[in-house]
């Protein structure tokens, strides 16, 4: 899905202009998911379904999606605004009044998606990342220390280091869970 040189890029970007307005308006439904660094396997089926629903050639649609993917991912990397992207694409196409009407509806969502992906990828590059947590609450009935009715939480942290997933399970009493909740609440407040 990667276009070649500037002439080919311009041609593939411009294919959007040839689409009926209804089809052009719906194009973000397949363009959005295709922006991910690792394009999902389901994108081919989504493109086929889109082409069937909108009676457009799959080859042309794949080319224009590839071209717009290249432009939008590049725009995100370079920190470009909507106005910058519109101006650049219009310049590439030698003027095209339809560009803003096409790009504007999905631009902010696309940049948000790419920003989240960039943050996730940057985090993965620097070691182990917490990807989830599971828990259960147990009651200790008996141990070598004698009978008990104490409750303990088994907390399992799921982490990823590159492609390797690991689990770390710890036992926790109420006080430690309250301290953990406080830390998480404070961290979340800084992220909002």
Protein backbone atom coordinates (compact mmCIF):
# COMPACT_ATOMS: atom_id res chain seq x y z
CA UNK A 1 0.00 0.00 0.00
CA UNK A 2 2.91 2.40 -0.50
CA UNK A 3 2.76 4.66 -3.54
CA UNK A 4 5.89 5.38 -5.55
CA UNK A 5 7.14 8.79 -6.70
CA UNK A 6 5.47 12.22 -6.60
CA UNK A 7 3.54 11.74 -9.86
CA UNK A 8 2.12 8.45 -8.68
CA UNK A 9 1.34 9.93 -5.27
CA UNK A 10 -0.56 12.83 -6.85
CA UNK A 11 -2.49 10.45 -9.11
CA UNK A 12 -3.42 8.17 -6.20
CA UNK A 13 -4.41 11.06 -3.92
CA UNK A 14 -6.52 12.48 -6.73
CA UNK A 15 -8.51 9.27 -7.16
CA UNK A 16 -10.69 10.51 -4.30
CA UNK A 17 -11.98 13.31 -6.54
CA UNK A 18 -13.41 10.74 -8.96
CA UNK A 19 -15.50 9.06 -6.25
CA UNK A 20 -19.19 9.94 -5.87
CA UNK A 21 -19.74 12.30 -2.90
CA UNK A 22 -21.47 9.58 -0.84
CA UNK A 23 -18.53 7.22 -1.36
CA UNK A 24 -15.96 9.95 -0.63
CA UNK A 25 -17.81 10.86 2.59
CA UNK A 26 -17.71 7.22 3.74
CA UNK A 27 -14.06 6.63 2.82
CA UNK A 28 -12.80 7.42 6.34
CA UNK A 29 -14.44 4.16 7.52
CA UNK A 30 -11.62 2.25 5.79
CA UNK A 31 -8.97 4.97 5.74
CA UNK A 32 -9.00 5.41 9.54
CA UNK A 33 -8.14 1.77 10.39
CA UNK A 34 -5.50 1.68 7.64
CA UNK A 35 -3.50 4.46 9.33
CA UNK A 36 -2.11 2.15 12.00
CA UNK A 37 1.57 1.30 11.74
CA UNK A 38 0.64 -2.36 11.54
CA UNK A 39 -2.32 -2.39 9.18
CA UNK A 40 -4.85 -4.91 10.54
CA UNK A 41 -5.37 -8.11 8.57
CA UNK A 42 -9.06 -7.24 8.40
CA UNK A 43 -8.41 -4.20 6.18
CA UNK A 44 -8.51 -6.21 2.95
CA UNK A 45 -11.96 -7.55 3.79
CA UNK A 46 -13.06 -4.04 4.84
CA UNK A 47 -11.88 -2.63 1.51
CA UNK A 48 -13.67 -5.40 -0.40
CA UNK A 49 -16.87 -4.75 1.57
CA UNK A 50 -16.54 -1.01 0.99
CA UNK A 51 -16.04 -1.56 -2.75
CA UNK A 52 -19.08 -3.81 -2.94
CA UNK A 53 -21.23 -1.34 -1.03
CA UNK A 54 -20.06 1.66 -3.05
CA UNK A 55 -19.42 0.05 -6.46
CA UNK A 56 -15.84 1.28 -6.76
CA UNK A 57 -12.76 -0.57 -8.06
CA UNK A 58 -10.76 -2.23 -5.28
CA UNK A 59 -7.38 -1.52 -6.92
CA UNK A 60 -8.09 2.21 -7.13
CA UNK A 61 -9.41 2.30 -3.59
CA UNK A 62 -6.32 0.49 -2.26
CA UNK A 63 -4.07 2.95 -4.12
CA UNK A 64 -5.83 6.04 -2.80
CA UNK A 65 -5.92 4.65 0.74
CA UNK A 66 -2.18 3.96 0.51
CA UNK A 67 -1.51 7.49 -0.72
CA UNK A 68 -3.63 9.15 1.96
CA UNK A 69 -2.07 6.88 4.58
CA UNK A 70 1.37 8.09 3.51
CA UNK A 71 0.28 11.75 3.62
CA UNK A 72 -1.52 11.54 6.97
CA UNK A 73 1.14 9.50 8.76
CA UNK A 74 3.76 11.92 7.44
CA UNK A 75 1.65 14.89 8.54
CA UNK A 76 1.45 13.48 12.05
CA UNK A 77 5.19 12.83 12.23
CA UNK A 78 5.88 16.38 11.06
CA UNK A 79 3.26 17.95 13.39
CA UNK A 80 1.23 19.42 10.56
CA UNK A 81 -2.13 21.12 11.03
CA UNK A 82 -5.21 20.54 8.90
CA UNK A 83 -4.44 23.75 7.01
CA UNK A 84 -0.86 22.59 6.36
CA UNK A 85 -2.04 19.22 5.01
CA UNK A 86 -4.70 20.79 2.80
CA UNK A 87 -2.18 23.28 1.39
CA UNK A 88 0.42 20.58 0.76
CA UNK A 89 -2.02 18.21 -0.95
CA UNK A 90 -3.58 20.99 -3.00
CA UNK A 91 -0.06 21.99 -4.06
CA UNK A 92 0.77 18.39 -4.99
CA UNK A 93 -2.42 18.14 -7.04
CA UNK A 94 -2.06 21.58 -8.62
CA UNK A 95 -5.13 22.87 -6.81
CA UNK A 96 -8.12 20.81 -5.72
CA UNK A 97 -11.03 22.48 -3.95
CA UNK A 98 -12.40 19.14 -2.68
CA UNK A 99 -9.35 18.35 -0.48
CA UNK A 100 -10.46 20.26 2.65
CA UNK A 101 -13.99 18.82 2.46
CA UNK A 102 -12.51 15.32 2.29
CA UNK A 103 -9.74 15.66 4.90
CA UNK A 104 -11.45 17.81 7.56
CA UNK A 105 -14.09 15.33 8.84
CA UNK A 106 -11.52 12.67 9.81
CA UNK A 107 -8.38 14.70 10.42
CA UNK A 108 -8.57 15.25 14.18
CA UNK A 109 -9.57 11.63 14.88
CA UNK A 110 -6.72 10.44 12.65
CA UNK A 111 -4.15 12.64 14.39
CA UNK A 112 -5.43 11.50 17.80
CA UNK A 113 -5.18 7.85 16.74
CA UNK A 114 -1.65 8.36 15.42
CA UNK A 115 -0.63 10.27 18.55
CA UNK A 116 -1.84 7.42 20.77
CA UNK A 117 0.02 4.93 18.61
CA UNK A 118 3.21 7.04 18.78
CA UNK A 119 2.98 7.23 22.57
CA UNK A 120 2.40 3.49 22.84
CA UNK A 121 5.32 2.69 20.52
CA UNK A 122 7.62 5.11 22.34
CA UNK A 123 6.71 3.49 25.65
CA UNK A 124 7.34 -0.03 24.32
CA UNK A 125 10.81 0.97 23.19
CA UNK A 126 11.86 1.72 26.75
CA UNK A 127 11.25 -1.57 28.53
CA UNK A 128 8.44 -3.35 30.30
CA UNK A 129 4.93 -1.85 29.95
CA UNK A 130 1.89 -2.60 32.08
CA UNK A 131 -0.85 -3.85 29.76
CA UNK A 132 -3.42 -5.09 32.26
CA UNK A 133 -4.25 -6.36 35.71
CA UNK A 134 -6.35 -9.15 37.18
CA UNK A 135 -7.30 -9.86 40.78
CA UNK A 136 -9.09 -12.21 43.10
CA UNK A 137 -9.88 -11.96 46.80
CA UNK A 138 -9.13 -14.98 48.97
CA UNK A 139 -9.76 -15.72 52.62
CA UNK A 140 -6.91 -17.32 54.54
CA UNK A 141 -8.44 -20.09 56.64
CA UNK A 142 -5.31 -21.79 57.91
CA UNK A 143 -1.53 -21.53 57.59
CA UNK A 144 1.51 -22.65 59.58
CA UNK A 145 0.79 -19.58 61.71
CA UNK A 146 -2.62 -20.86 62.74
CA UNK A 147 -6.26 -20.27 61.79
CA UNK A 148 -7.36 -16.94 60.30
CA UNK A 149 -10.25 -15.12 58.65
CA UNK A 150 -8.00 -12.53 56.96
CA UNK A 151 -8.77 -11.53 53.40
CA UNK A 152 -5.98 -11.11 50.90
CA UNK A 153 -6.08 -9.87 47.33
CA UNK A 154 -4.04 -11.65 44.70
CA UNK A 155 -3.11 -8.99 42.15
CA UNK A 156 -1.64 -10.08 38.82
CA UNK A 157 0.05 -7.45 36.69
CA UNK A 158 0.34 -8.30 33.02
CA UNK A 159 3.33 -6.70 31.31
CA UNK A 160 4.89 -6.64 27.87
CA UNK A 161 8.55 -6.18 27.09
CA UNK A 162 8.88 -5.95 23.33
CA UNK A 163 6.97 -9.00 22.12
CA UNK A 164 7.34 -10.97 25.37
CA UNK A 165 4.40 -10.97 27.77
CA UNK A 166 4.89 -11.68 31.46
CA UNK A 167 2.78 -11.88 34.59
CA UNK A 168 3.67 -10.90 38.13
CA UNK A 169 1.31 -11.96 40.92
CA UNK A 170 1.54 -10.40 44.37
CA UNK A 171 -0.52 -10.80 47.53
CA UNK A 172 -1.88 -7.59 48.99
CA UNK A 173 -3.77 -6.53 52.07
CA UNK A 174 -6.28 -3.70 52.24
CA UNK A 175 -3.72 -1.02 53.20
CA UNK A 176 -1.47 -1.74 50.23
CA UNK A 177 -4.48 -1.70 47.88
CA UNK A 178 -5.53 1.69 49.25
CA UNK A 179 -2.02 3.01 48.69
CA UNK A 180 -2.07 1.58 45.15
CA UNK A 181 -5.45 3.20 44.46
CA UNK A 182 -4.13 6.54 45.73
CA UNK A 183 -1.08 6.28 43.46
CA UNK A 184 -3.23 5.36 40.45
CA UNK A 185 -5.68 8.22 41.16
CA UNK A 186 -2.81 10.71 41.37
CA UNK A 187 -1.24 9.37 38.18
CA UNK A 188 -4.55 9.53 36.32
CA UNK A 189 -5.12 13.11 37.47
CA UNK A 190 -1.79 14.05 35.85
CA UNK A 191 -2.77 12.31 32.60
CA UNK A 192 -6.11 14.08 32.18
